[in-house]
Amino acid sequence: MSWLGKKFPAPVARPMAPFFAAGLVILYGVNAAQTAMMNSAEFKNDPRNPNVGKAAAEKH
């Protein structure tokens, strides 16, 4: 007897493929938007921005 119960030969990955692809597209879009916001003038000098010290360090 199996711990997980009876195995059914149901396809899982193929029907879910469009959702996986959509998730990747959403993650790419969120990453692009976040990068654009970090480099915008409004958040350029925010101390929480991880890119604040990089511009000064690159000039030296």
PDB file of N, CA and C in Angstrom:
ATOM      1  N   MET A   1       0.843  -1.187   0.000  1.00  0.00           N
ATOM      2  CA  MET A   1       0.000   0.000   0.000  1.00  0.00           C
ATOM      3  C   MET A   1       0.883   1.243   0.000  1.00  0.00           C
ATOM      4  N   SER A   2       0.486   2.237  -0.753  1.00  0.00           N
ATOM      5  CA  SER A   2       1.263   3.461  -0.885  1.00  0.00           C
ATOM      6  C   SER A   2       0.832   4.482   0.163  1.00  0.00           C
ATOM      7  N   TRP A   3       1.772   5.314   0.574  1.00  0.00           N
ATOM      8  CA  TRP A   3       1.472   6.374   1.536  1.00  0.00           C
ATOM      9  C   TRP A   3       0.613   7.476   0.911  1.00  0.00           C
ATOM     10  N   LEU A   4       0.737   7.680  -0.401  1.00  0.00           N
ATOM     11  CA  LEU A   4       0.018   8.757  -1.075  1.00  0.00           C
ATOM     12  C   LEU A   4      -1.314   8.325  -1.659  1.00  0.00           C
ATOM     13  N   GLY A   5      -1.667   7.083  -1.537  1.00  0.00           N
ATOM     14  CA  GLY A   5      -2.923   6.602  -2.090  1.00  0.00           C
ATOM     15  C   GLY A   5      -2.730   6.064  -3.493  1.00  0.00           C
ATOM     16  N   LYS A   6      -3.824   5.867  -4.194  1.00  0.00           N
ATOM     17  CA  LYS A   6      -3.777   5.306  -5.529  1.00  0.00           C
ATOM     18  C   LYS A   6      -3.275   6.337  -6.538  1.00  0.00           C
ATOM     19  N   LYS A   7      -2.430   5.879  -7.468  1.00  0.00           N
ATOM     20  CA  LYS A   7      -1.906   6.760  -8.504  1.00  0.00           C
ATOM     21  C   LYS A   7      -2.859   6.767  -9.695  1.00  0.00           C
ATOM     22  N   PHE A   8      -3.181   7.943 -10.175  1.00  0.00           N
ATOM     23  CA  PHE A   8      -4.021   8.081 -11.355  1.00  0.00           C
ATOM     24  C   PHE A   8      -3.178   8.649 -12.487  1.00  0.00           C
ATOM     25  N   PRO A   9      -3.308   8.105 -13.689  1.00  0.00           N
ATOM     26  CA  PRO A   9      -2.485   8.585 -14.808  1.00  0.00           C
ATOM     27  C   PRO A   9      -3.037   9.870 -15.432  1.00  0.00           C
ATOM     28  N   ALA A  10      -3.263  10.875 -14.612  1.00  0.00           N
ATOM     29  CA  ALA A  10      -3.816  12.134 -15.108  1.00  0.00           C
ATOM     30  C   ALA A  10      -2.688  13.077 -15.502  1.00  0.00           C
ATOM     31  N   PRO A  11      -2.802  13.728 -16.656  1.00  0.00           N
ATOM     32  CA  PRO A  11      -1.774  14.705 -17.038  1.00  0.00           C
ATOM     33  C   PRO A  11      -1.872  15.944 -16.143  1.00  0.00           C
ATOM     34  N   VAL A  12      -0.735  16.424 -15.696  1.00  0.00           N
ATOM     35  CA  VAL A  12      -0.713  17.594 -14.822  1.00  0.00           C
ATOM     36  C   VAL A  12       0.043  18.746 -15.479  1.00  0.00           C
ATOM     37  N   ALA A  13       1.247  18.463 -15.979  1.00  0.00           N
ATOM     38  CA  ALA A  13       2.098  19.532 -16.494  1.00  0.00           C
ATOM     39  C   ALA A  13       1.555  20.129 -17.790  1.00  0.00           C
ATOM     40  N   ARG A  14       1.058  19.290 -18.700  1.00  0.00           N
ATOM     41  CA  ARG A  14       0.606  19.813 -19.996  1.00  0.00           C
ATOM     42  C   ARG A  14      -0.606  20.746 -19.869  1.00  0.00           C
ATOM     43  N   PRO A  15      -1.643  20.422 -19.097  1.00  0.00           N
ATOM     44  CA  PRO A  15      -2.758  21.370 -18.971  1.00  0.00           C
ATOM     45  C   PRO A  15      -2.383  22.644 -18.198  1.00  0.00           C
ATOM     46  N   MET A  16      -1.374  22.548 -17.339  1.00  0.00           N
ATOM     47  CA  MET A  16      -0.980  23.715 -16.541  1.00  0.00           C
ATOM     48  C   MET A  16       0.041  24.593 -17.241  1.00  0.00           C
ATOM     49  N   ALA A  17       0.560  24.181 -18.402  1.00  0.00           N
ATOM     50  CA  ALA A  17       1.621  24.915 -19.096  1.00  0.00           C
ATOM     51  C   ALA A  17       1.244  26.376 -19.396  1.00  0.00           C
ATOM     52  N   PRO A  18       0.029  26.680 -19.850  1.00  0.00           N
ATOM     53  CA  PRO A  18      -0.297  28.100 -20.080  1.00  0.00           C
ATOM     54  C   PRO A  18      -0.232  28.946 -18.810  1.00  0.00           C
ATOM     55  N   PHE A  19      -0.573  28.367 -17.683  1.00  0.00           N
ATOM     56  CA  PHE A  19      -0.518  29.105 -16.425  1.00  0.00           C
ATOM     57  C   PHE A  19       0.929  29.333 -15.992  1.00  0.00           C
ATOM     58  N   PHE A  20       1.796  28.343 -16.213  1.00  0.00           N
ATOM     59  CA  PHE A  20       3.219  28.517 -15.913  1.00  0.00           C
ATOM     60  C   PHE A  20       3.802  29.615 -16.798  1.00  0.00           C
ATOM     61  N   ALA A  21       3.456  29.607 -18.078  1.00  0.00           N
ATOM     62  CA  ALA A  21       3.956  30.626 -19.008  1.00  0.00           C
ATOM     63  C   ALA A  21       3.432  32.016 -18.606  1.00  0.00           C
ATOM     64  N   ALA A  22       2.172  32.101 -18.244  1.00  0.00           N
ATOM     65  CA  ALA A  22       1.607  33.382 -17.819  1.00  0.00           C
ATOM     66  C   ALA A  22       2.283  33.879 -16.543  1.00  0.00           C
ATOM     67  N   GLY A  23       2.604  32.983 -15.647  1.00  0.00           N
ATOM     68  CA  GLY A  23       3.316  33.364 -14.425  1.00  0.00           C
ATOM     69  C   GLY A  23       4.681  33.933 -14.729  1.00  0.00           C
ATOM     70  N   LEU A  24       5.391  33.337 -15.683  1.00  0.00           N
ATOM     71  CA  LEU A  24       6.702  33.863 -16.067  1.00  0.00           C
ATOM     72  C   LEU A  24       6.587  35.245 -16.704  1.00  0.00           C
ATOM     73  N   VAL A  25       5.556  35.434 -17.528  1.00  0.00           N
ATOM     74  CA  VAL A  25       5.349  36.750 -18.149  1.00  0.00           C
ATOM     75  C   VAL A  25       5.045  37.800 -17.082  1.00  0.00           C
ATOM     76  N   ILE A  26       4.224  37.457 -16.111  1.00  0.00           N
ATOM     77  CA  ILE A  26       3.886  38.387 -15.028  1.00  0.00           C
ATOM     78  C   ILE A  26       5.122  38.716 -14.204  1.00  0.00           C
ATOM     79  N   LEU A  27       5.925  37.704 -13.876  1.00  0.00           N
ATOM     80  CA  LEU A  27       7.147  37.949 -13.100  1.00  0.00           C
ATOM     81  C   LEU A  27       8.114  38.844 -13.863  1.00  0.00           C
ATOM     82  N   TYR A  28       8.244  38.641 -15.173  1.00  0.00           N
ATOM     83  CA  TYR A  28       9.107  39.496 -15.983  1.00  0.00           C
ATOM     84  C   TYR A  28       8.596  40.932 -15.982  1.00  0.00           C
ATOM     85  N   GLY A  29       7.296  41.104 -16.115  1.00  0.00           N
ATOM     86  CA  GLY A  29       6.718  42.445 -16.117  1.00  0.00           C
ATOM     87  C   GLY A  29       6.885  43.157 -14.786  1.00  0.00           C
ATOM     88  N   VAL A  30       6.705  42.440 -13.691  1.00  0.00           N
ATOM     89  CA  VAL A  30       6.885  43.033 -12.365  1.00  0.00           C
ATOM     90  C   VAL A  30       8.341  43.434 -12.175  1.00  0.00           C
ATOM     91  N   ASN A  31       9.275  42.583 -12.612  1.00  0.00           N
ATOM     92  CA  ASN A  31      10.690  42.899 -12.493  1.00  0.00           C
ATOM     93  C   ASN A  31      11.043  44.124 -13.326  1.00  0.00           C
ATOM     94  N   ALA A  32      10.524  44.222 -14.543  1.00  0.00           N
ATOM     95  CA  ALA A  32      10.803  45.374 -15.387  1.00  0.00           C
ATOM     96  C   ALA A  32      10.228  46.655 -14.777  1.00  0.00           C
ATOM     97  N   ALA A  33       9.027  46.582 -14.235  1.00  0.00           N
ATOM     98  CA  ALA A  33       8.413  47.755 -13.610  1.00  0.00           C
ATOM     99  C   ALA A  33       9.184  48.182 -12.366  1.00  0.00           C
ATOM    100  N   GLN A  34       9.623  47.213 -11.584  1.00  0.00           N
ATOM    101  CA  GLN A  34      10.368  47.528 -10.368  1.00  0.00           C
ATOM    102  C   GLN A  34      11.708  48.172 -10.703  1.00  0.00           C
ATOM    103  N   THR A  35      12.377  47.669 -11.720  1.00  0.00           N
ATOM    104  CA  THR A  35      13.645  48.255 -12.145  1.00  0.00           C
ATOM    105  C   THR A  35      13.434  49.671 -12.668  1.00  0.00           C
ATOM    106  N   ALA A  36      12.374  49.876 -13.439  1.00  0.00           N
ATOM    107  CA  ALA A  36      12.087  51.206 -13.953  1.00  0.00           C
ATOM    108  C   ALA A  36      11.782  52.181 -12.821  1.00  0.00           C
ATOM    109  N   MET A  37      11.070  51.727 -11.804  1.00  0.00           N
ATOM    110  CA  MET A  37      10.762  52.604 -10.667  1.00  0.00           C
ATOM    111  C   MET A  37      12.015  52.930  -9.859  1.00  0.00           C
ATOM    112  N   MET A  38      12.910  51.954  -9.691  1.00  0.00           N
ATOM    113  CA  MET A  38      14.143  52.217  -8.945  1.00  0.00           C
ATOM    114  C   MET A  38      15.014  53.242  -9.654  1.00  0.00           C
ATOM    115  N   ASN A  39      14.967  53.283 -10.983  1.00  0.00           N
ATOM    116  CA  ASN A  39      15.800  54.206 -11.746  1.00  0.00           C
ATOM    117  C   ASN A  39      15.092  55.516 -12.065  1.00  0.00           C
ATOM    118  N   SER A  40      13.844  55.679 -11.606  1.00  0.00           N
ATOM    119  CA  SER A  40      13.109  56.902 -11.903  1.00  0.00           C
ATOM    120  C   SER A  40      13.594  58.040 -11.003  1.00  0.00           C
ATOM    121  N   ALA A  41      13.274  59.262 -11.398  1.00  0.00           N
ATOM    122  CA  ALA A  41      13.717  60.438 -10.647  1.00  0.00           C
ATOM    123  C   ALA A  41      13.059  60.506  -9.271  1.00  0.00           C
ATOM    124  N   GLU A  42      11.848  59.991  -9.160  1.00  0.00           N
ATOM    125  CA  GLU A  42      11.127  60.078  -7.888  1.00  0.00           C
ATOM    126  C   GLU A  42      11.792  59.257  -6.788  1.00  0.00           C
ATOM    127  N   PHE A  43      12.332  58.088  -7.132  1.00  0.00           N
ATOM    128  CA  PHE A  43      12.908  57.194  -6.134  1.00  0.00           C
ATOM    129  C   PHE A  43      14.423  57.105  -6.228  1.00  0.00           C
ATOM    130  N   LYS A  44      15.057  57.970  -7.029  1.00  0.00           N
ATOM    131  CA  LYS A  44      16.505  57.890  -7.250  1.00  0.00           C
ATOM    132  C   LYS A  44      17.279  58.121  -5.954  1.00  0.00           C
ATOM    133  N   ASN A  45      16.826  59.019  -5.087  1.00  0.00           N
ATOM    134  CA  ASN A  45      17.548  59.357  -3.859  1.00  0.00           C
ATOM    135  C   ASN A  45      16.933  58.750  -2.610  1.00  0.00           C
ATOM    136  N   ASP A  46      16.031  57.839  -2.772  1.00  0.00           N
ATOM    137  CA  ASP A  46      15.407  57.178  -1.614  1.00  0.00           C
ATOM    138  C   ASP A  46      16.440  56.284  -0.940  1.00  0.00           C
ATOM    139  N   PRO A  47      16.625  56.398   0.371  1.00  0.00           N
ATOM    140  CA  PRO A  47      17.648  55.567   1.038  1.00  0.00           C
ATOM    141  C   PRO A  47      17.347  54.067   0.999  1.00  0.00           C
ATOM    142  N   ARG A  48      16.102  53.692   0.724  1.00  0.00           N
ATOM    143  CA  ARG A  48      15.772  52.264   0.622  1.00  0.00           C
ATOM    144  C   ARG A  48      16.126  51.688  -0.742  1.00  0.00           C
ATOM    145  N   ASN A  49      16.465  52.551  -1.694  1.00  0.00           N
ATOM    146  CA  ASN A  49      16.807  52.102  -3.040  1.00  0.00           C
ATOM    147  C   ASN A  49      18.198  51.458  -3.020  1.00  0.00           C
ATOM    148  N   PRO A  50      18.335  50.221  -3.477  1.00  0.00           N
ATOM    149  CA  PRO A  50      19.647  49.562  -3.440  1.00  0.00           C
ATOM    150  C   PRO A  50      20.642  50.156  -4.433  1.00  0.00           C
ATOM    151  N   ASN A  51      20.183  50.987  -5.368  1.00  0.00           N
ATOM    152  CA  ASN A  51      21.081  51.585  -6.351  1.00  0.00           C
ATOM    153  C   ASN A  51      21.580  52.966  -5.945  1.00  0.00           C
ATOM    154  N   VAL A  52      21.298  53.420  -4.728  1.00  0.00           N
ATOM    155  CA  VAL A  52      21.667  54.780  -4.325  1.00  0.00           C
ATOM    156  C   VAL A  52      23.175  54.946  -4.304  1.00  0.00           C
ATOM    157  N   GLY A  53      23.908  54.053  -3.714  1.00  0.00           N
ATOM    158  CA  GLY A  53      25.366  54.215  -3.586  1.00  0.00           C
ATOM    159  C   GLY A  53      26.128  53.782  -4.821  1.00  0.00           C
ATOM    160  N   LYS A  54      25.497  53.116  -5.773  1.00  0.00           N
ATOM    161  CA  LYS A  54      26.212  52.594  -6.936  1.00  0.00           C
ATOM    162  C   LYS A  54      26.641  53.700  -7.883  1.00  0.00           C
ATOM    163  N   ALA A  55      25.837  54.762  -8.053  1.00  0.00           N
ATOM    164  CA  ALA A  55      26.179  55.837  -8.982  1.00  0.00           C
ATOM    165  C   ALA A  55      27.413  56.596  -8.491  1.00  0.00           C
ATOM    166  N   ALA A  56      27.489  56.824  -7.200  1.00  0.00           N
ATOM    167  CA  ALA A  56      28.648  57.529  -6.652  1.00  0.00           C
ATOM    168  C   ALA A  56      29.904  56.659  -6.705  1.00  0.00           C
ATOM    169  N   ALA A  57      29.729  55.363  -6.504  1.00  0.00           N
ATOM    170  CA  ALA A  57      30.890  54.453  -6.519  1.00  0.00           C
ATOM    171  C   ALA A  57      31.424  54.257  -7.940  1.00  0.00           C
ATOM    172  N   GLU A  58      30.555  54.339  -8.946  1.00  0.00           N
ATOM    173  CA  GLU A  58      30.986  54.147 -10.334  1.00  0.00           C
ATOM    174  C   GLU A  58      31.748  55.360 -10.853  1.00  0.00           C
ATOM    175  N   LYS A  59      31.478  56.539 -10.323  1.00  0.00           N
ATOM    176  CA  LYS A  59      32.144  57.744 -10.793  1.00  0.00           C
ATOM    177  C   LYS A  59      33.601  57.802 -10.331  1.00  0.00           C
ATOM    178  N   HIS A  60      33.919  57.196  -9.208  1.00  0.00           N
ATOM    179  CA  HIS A  60      35.288  57.235  -8.665  1.00  0.00           C
ATOM    180  C   HIS A  60      36.167  56.214  -9.300  1.00  0.00           C
TER     181      HIS A  60
END
